[in-house]
Amino acid sequence: MTVATLRQQLAVVLANIVELEARLGKNSRNSSRPPWSDQPGTRPVQPKRGKRRKRGGQPGHTARFAADPVLVDHVKQDRPPACAHGCAALATGELTGSVINHCVYELPEIRPVVTDHQCLDVRCATCGLVTRGHLPAGVPTGQSGPTVQAMTGLLRGELKQSVRQTRTVMTEVLPVPMSTGMVAKTQDQVSRALAPSFQEALAHVQRDDRAHADETRWREDQEQKAEGVAVGGGDRTARTDVICYAQADRQHRHEDDP
């Protein structure tokens, strides 16, 4: 065997040794191997932790209490019936002026305001024909007023509730009778009402020289979707700091998408 052949064989052997050492050095901490495949002594001994802190505020912690209510509707004074030392009844005892306030919050009964617009039929005294009244300007043709539409848009948009969840909140909590179809219809009305402001924000961001953009993609129902967010500087005349424009694209695709 020549010297060149021996050198080649030695290089192959050394490469195999390096590969075997790399395999032996792999464990669950530096590779995708499961923990049960680790050899004894592979994982370092974890140092014992000191005494854990107790729950709640620690010594020296500044206590924080609930803020006092801005408005109090009812005040009830709870007077002790008798002396805690067993002396006598305190019905005529002297008040010291010291008091401990304990405020209890309750939600009021939510009841929608319903206005019945009655379009009256009126017969003309001259010709005898009947003319029916019409809804005044500003009265919606559907059963949902502006506040109901705004609440529906808040639940579906900002709070990201489903159509059925929105129907449950509107019907059971508020309560405003609303079907799933009415939720979708009201959501469409809110979208059309916000379209001018939406386009105004888009135009501002597109012409802003300090605009920044970001994109988040996800898969839903085997379909690639994306949400783009563009942020531009505010309008000094309108005293706004930031204008944010967001748009979800259900048919969004990139060249590198599968």
Protein backbone atom coordinates (compact mmCIF):
# COMPACT_ATOMS: atom_id res chain seq x y z
CA MET A 1 0.00 0.00 0.00
CA THR A 2 1.24 3.42 -0.89
CA VAL A 3 1.54 6.37 1.46
CA ALA A 4 -1.27 8.23 -0.36
CA THR A 5 -3.65 5.28 0.13
CA LEU A 6 -2.86 5.12 3.83
CA ARG A 7 -3.49 8.86 4.19
CA GLN A 8 -6.89 8.51 2.53
CA GLN A 9 -7.86 5.64 4.83
CA LEU A 10 -6.68 7.62 7.86
CA ALA A 11 -8.80 10.62 6.83
CA VAL A 12 -11.86 8.38 6.49
CA VAL A 13 -11.26 6.84 9.92
CA LEU A 14 -10.81 10.25 11.52
CA ALA A 15 -14.03 11.50 9.93
CA ASN A 16 -15.90 8.46 11.27
CA ILE A 17 -14.49 9.10 14.75
CA VAL A 18 -15.64 12.72 14.65
CA GLU A 19 -19.13 11.65 13.57
CA LEU A 20 -19.37 9.02 16.31
CA GLU A 21 -18.21 11.48 18.96
CA ALA A 22 -20.83 13.97 17.77
CA ARG A 23 -23.52 11.29 18.08
CA LEU A 24 -22.38 10.37 21.57
CA GLY A 25 -22.49 14.03 22.58
CA LYS A 26 -26.13 14.46 21.58
CA ASN A 27 -28.84 14.41 24.23
CA SER A 28 -32.30 15.83 24.85
CA ARG A 29 -30.81 19.24 25.74
CA ASN A 30 -28.90 19.85 22.47
CA SER A 31 -30.94 17.82 19.96
CA SER A 32 -34.43 16.57 19.22
CA ARG A 33 -33.92 13.33 21.14
CA PRO A 34 -36.47 12.55 23.87
CA PRO A 35 -35.34 12.80 27.52
CA TRP A 36 -35.68 9.04 28.10
CA SER A 37 -32.85 8.42 25.59
CA ASP A 38 -30.26 10.29 27.70
CA GLN A 39 -27.43 8.25 29.15
CA PRO A 40 -26.92 8.23 32.93
CA GLY A 41 -25.03 11.30 34.04
CA THR A 42 -25.83 13.26 30.86
CA ARG A 43 -28.08 15.82 32.47
CA PRO A 44 -26.35 18.02 35.03
CA VAL A 45 -27.58 17.98 38.58
CA GLN A 46 -29.88 20.93 39.15
CA PRO A 47 -28.87 23.02 42.15
CA LYS A 48 -31.39 23.05 44.94
CA ARG A 49 -33.50 26.12 45.05
CA GLY A 50 -33.68 28.20 48.15
CA LYS A 51 -36.79 28.69 50.16
CA ARG A 52 -39.58 29.85 47.91
CA ARG A 53 -41.35 33.07 48.66
CA LYS A 54 -44.82 32.95 50.06
CA ARG A 55 -47.73 34.06 47.96
CA GLY A 56 -48.99 37.60 48.17
CA GLY A 57 -47.22 40.80 49.10
CA GLN A 58 -43.65 40.48 50.32
CA PRO A 59 -42.17 42.34 53.32
CA GLY A 60 -41.67 45.98 52.40
CA HIS A 61 -44.25 45.82 49.62
CA THR A 62 -46.37 48.95 49.24
CA ALA A 63 -50.00 48.02 49.76
CA ARG A 64 -52.43 48.84 46.98
CA PHE A 65 -56.15 49.05 47.52
CA ALA A 66 -59.09 49.43 45.18
CA ALA A 67 -59.81 53.00 44.20
CA ASP A 68 -62.71 54.73 45.90
CA PRO A 69 -65.85 54.85 43.74
CA VAL A 70 -66.48 58.14 41.98
CA LEU A 71 -70.23 57.95 42.59
CA VAL A 72 -72.08 56.24 45.43
CA ASP A 73 -75.78 55.57 44.86
CA HIS A 74 -76.78 54.25 48.27
CA VAL A 75 -75.29 54.55 51.77
CA LYS A 76 -76.17 52.08 54.51
CA GLN A 77 -74.78 52.47 58.02
CA ASP A 78 -74.27 49.19 59.89
CA ARG A 79 -74.33 49.86 63.63
CA PRO A 80 -73.11 47.19 66.06
CA PRO A 81 -76.08 45.90 68.08
CA ALA A 82 -74.20 45.30 71.33
CA CYS A 83 -70.87 45.98 73.00
CA ALA A 84 -68.20 43.48 72.08
CA HIS A 85 -67.14 43.37 75.77
CA GLY A 86 -70.60 42.23 76.91
CA CYS A 87 -71.57 45.47 78.64
CA ALA A 88 -74.82 46.67 77.09
CA ALA A 89 -76.72 47.37 73.91
CA LEU A 90 -75.35 50.10 71.63
CA ALA A 91 -78.64 51.45 70.29
CA THR A 92 -77.96 54.77 72.03
CA GLY A 93 -74.19 54.61 72.07
CA GLU A 94 -72.05 57.58 71.06
CA LEU A 95 -70.59 57.59 67.56
CA THR A 96 -66.83 58.14 67.49
CA GLY A 97 -66.67 59.36 63.90
CA SER A 98 -64.45 56.46 62.82
CA VAL A 99 -65.83 54.35 59.99
CA ILE A 100 -64.63 51.57 57.69
CA ASN A 101 -66.04 51.81 54.18
CA HIS A 102 -66.93 48.63 52.34
CA CYS A 103 -68.25 49.33 48.82
CA VAL A 104 -70.16 46.64 46.93
CA TYR A 105 -70.61 46.99 43.16
CA GLU A 106 -73.73 45.74 41.42
CA LEU A 107 -74.67 45.92 37.77
CA PRO A 108 -77.96 47.66 37.03
CA GLU A 109 -80.71 45.92 35.15
CA ILE A 110 -79.98 46.36 31.45
CA ARG A 111 -83.10 47.21 29.49
CA PRO A 112 -83.07 48.45 25.91
CA VAL A 113 -84.99 51.59 24.99
CA VAL A 114 -87.63 50.63 22.40
CA THR A 115 -89.30 53.33 20.29
CA ASP A 116 -92.36 52.32 18.27
CA HIS A 117 -92.56 54.54 15.17
CA GLN A 118 -96.18 54.31 14.03
CA CYS A 119 -96.69 55.40 10.43
CA LEU A 120 -100.29 56.58 10.48
CA ASP A 121 -102.77 56.46 7.62
CA VAL A 122 -104.59 59.80 7.17
CA ARG A 123 -107.61 60.32 4.91
CA CYS A 124 -107.75 63.60 3.05
CA ALA A 125 -110.88 65.63 3.81
CA THR A 126 -110.91 67.00 0.25
CA CYS A 127 -110.35 64.01 -2.04
CA GLY A 128 -111.05 61.20 0.40
CA LEU A 129 -107.83 59.32 -0.46
CA VAL A 130 -105.59 57.85 2.22
CA THR A 131 -101.94 58.85 2.63
CA ARG A 132 -99.58 56.79 4.76
CA GLY A 133 -96.93 58.42 6.93
CA HIS A 134 -93.22 57.81 6.42
CA LEU A 135 -90.34 57.38 8.81
CA PRO A 136 -88.59 60.65 9.67
CA ALA A 137 -85.06 61.30 8.47
CA GLY A 138 -82.46 59.61 10.62
CA VAL A 139 -84.65 56.69 11.71
CA PRO A 140 -83.13 53.37 10.58
CA THR A 141 -85.29 51.16 8.40
CA GLY A 142 -84.26 48.07 10.40
CA GLN A 143 -84.79 47.28 14.07
CA SER A 144 -81.21 48.12 15.11
CA GLY A 145 -80.41 51.69 16.08
CA PRO A 146 -76.92 53.25 16.06
CA THR A 147 -76.06 52.08 19.60
CA VAL A 148 -77.07 48.49 18.84
CA GLN A 149 -75.03 48.57 15.65
CA ALA A 150 -72.03 49.99 17.51
CA MET A 151 -72.21 47.27 20.18
CA THR A 152 -72.47 44.58 17.52
CA GLY A 153 -69.43 45.97 15.72
CA LEU A 154 -67.50 46.12 19.01
CA LEU A 155 -68.25 42.49 19.83
CA ARG A 156 -67.42 41.21 16.35
CA GLY A 157 -64.43 43.45 15.69
CA GLU A 158 -62.50 44.58 18.75
CA LEU A 159 -63.57 41.73 21.06
CA LYS A 160 -63.36 39.10 18.25
CA GLN A 161 -66.52 37.24 19.21
CA SER A 162 -68.13 34.79 16.84
CA VAL A 163 -71.53 35.38 15.28
CA ARG A 164 -73.21 33.01 17.74
CA GLN A 165 -71.39 34.49 20.72
CA THR A 166 -72.42 37.97 19.62
CA ARG A 167 -76.03 36.84 19.28
CA THR A 168 -75.89 35.33 22.79
CA VAL A 169 -74.56 38.54 24.35
CA MET A 170 -77.05 40.75 22.52
CA THR A 171 -80.03 38.48 23.30
CA GLU A 172 -79.23 37.24 26.81
CA VAL A 173 -77.26 40.11 28.37
CA LEU A 174 -78.50 43.37 26.89
CA PRO A 175 -81.23 42.01 25.92
CA VAL A 176 -81.88 42.86 22.27
CA PRO A 177 -83.51 40.11 20.14
CA MET A 178 -81.07 39.31 17.36
CA SER A 179 -80.55 36.26 15.17
CA THR A 180 -77.27 35.13 13.63
CA GLY A 181 -78.41 36.48 10.29
CA MET A 182 -79.19 39.85 11.86
CA VAL A 183 -75.71 39.89 13.44
CA ALA A 184 -74.12 39.41 10.02
CA LYS A 185 -76.37 42.05 8.47
CA THR A 186 -75.61 44.56 11.24
CA GLN A 187 -71.90 43.86 10.92
CA ASP A 188 -72.12 44.68 7.21
CA GLN A 189 -73.92 47.95 8.02
CA VAL A 190 -71.16 48.93 10.45
CA SER A 191 -68.51 48.12 7.83
CA ARG A 192 -70.22 50.36 5.27
CA ALA A 193 -70.55 53.15 7.83
CA LEU A 194 -66.82 52.96 8.66
CA ALA A 195 -65.71 52.73 5.02
CA PRO A 196 -65.03 56.50 4.58
CA SER A 197 -62.85 56.63 7.71
CA PHE A 198 -61.14 53.43 6.61
CA GLN A 199 -60.27 54.88 3.20
CA GLU A 200 -59.11 58.13 4.81
CA ALA A 201 -56.69 56.25 7.06
CA LEU A 202 -55.43 54.24 4.07
CA ALA A 203 -54.80 57.37 2.02
CA HIS A 204 -52.96 59.02 4.93
CA VAL A 205 -50.68 56.02 5.47
CA GLN A 206 -49.93 55.67 1.75
CA ARG A 207 -48.77 59.27 1.41
CA ASP A 208 -46.87 59.35 4.73
CA ASP A 209 -43.07 59.27 4.36
CA ARG A 210 -42.70 57.67 7.82
CA ALA A 211 -45.03 54.72 7.31
CA HIS A 212 -44.07 51.30 8.68
CA ALA A 213 -45.66 48.00 7.69
CA ASP A 214 -45.97 44.56 9.23
CA GLU A 215 -47.72 41.36 8.20
CA THR A 216 -48.99 38.32 10.07
CA ARG A 217 -49.99 35.19 8.19
CA TRP A 218 -51.94 32.14 9.33
CA ARG A 219 -53.81 29.16 7.87
CA GLU A 220 -57.54 28.67 8.39
CA ASP A 221 -59.69 26.01 6.74
CA GLN A 222 -56.75 24.99 4.50
CA GLU A 223 -56.56 28.54 3.21
CA GLN A 224 -53.70 31.00 3.48
CA LYS A 225 -54.72 34.28 5.09
CA ALA A 226 -52.83 37.40 6.07
CA GLU A 227 -53.36 40.53 8.10
CA GLY A 228 -51.35 43.56 7.13
CA VAL A 229 -50.84 46.51 9.45
CA ALA A 230 -49.47 49.86 8.29
CA VAL A 231 -48.64 52.60 10.78
CA GLY A 232 -48.06 56.22 9.84
CA GLY A 233 -47.41 59.46 11.62
CA GLY A 234 -50.35 61.41 12.97
CA ASP A 235 -51.84 64.65 11.81
CA ARG A 236 -50.67 67.58 13.87
CA THR A 237 -53.74 69.62 13.00
CA ALA A 238 -55.99 66.79 14.25
CA ARG A 239 -53.75 66.27 17.30
CA THR A 240 -53.29 62.57 16.61
CA ASP A 241 -50.02 60.77 17.22
CA VAL A 242 -50.38 57.55 15.22
CA ILE A 243 -52.72 56.34 12.48
CA CYS A 244 -52.96 52.56 12.13
CA TYR A 245 -54.44 50.84 9.08
CA ALA A 246 -55.13 47.08 9.19
CA GLN A 247 -56.54 44.82 6.50
CA ALA A 248 -57.15 41.05 6.46
CA ASP A 249 -56.67 39.35 3.08
CA ARG A 250 -58.33 35.94 2.71
CA GLN A 251 -56.81 35.20 -0.70
CA HIS A 252 -53.31 36.47 0.09
CA ARG A 253 -50.45 34.43 -1.40
CA HIS A 254 -46.72 34.84 -1.74
CA GLU A 255 -44.43 33.38 -4.36
CA ASP A 256 -42.79 31.22 -1.68
CA ASP A 257 -46.10 29.95 -0.24
CA PRO A 258 -46.73 26.24 -0.67
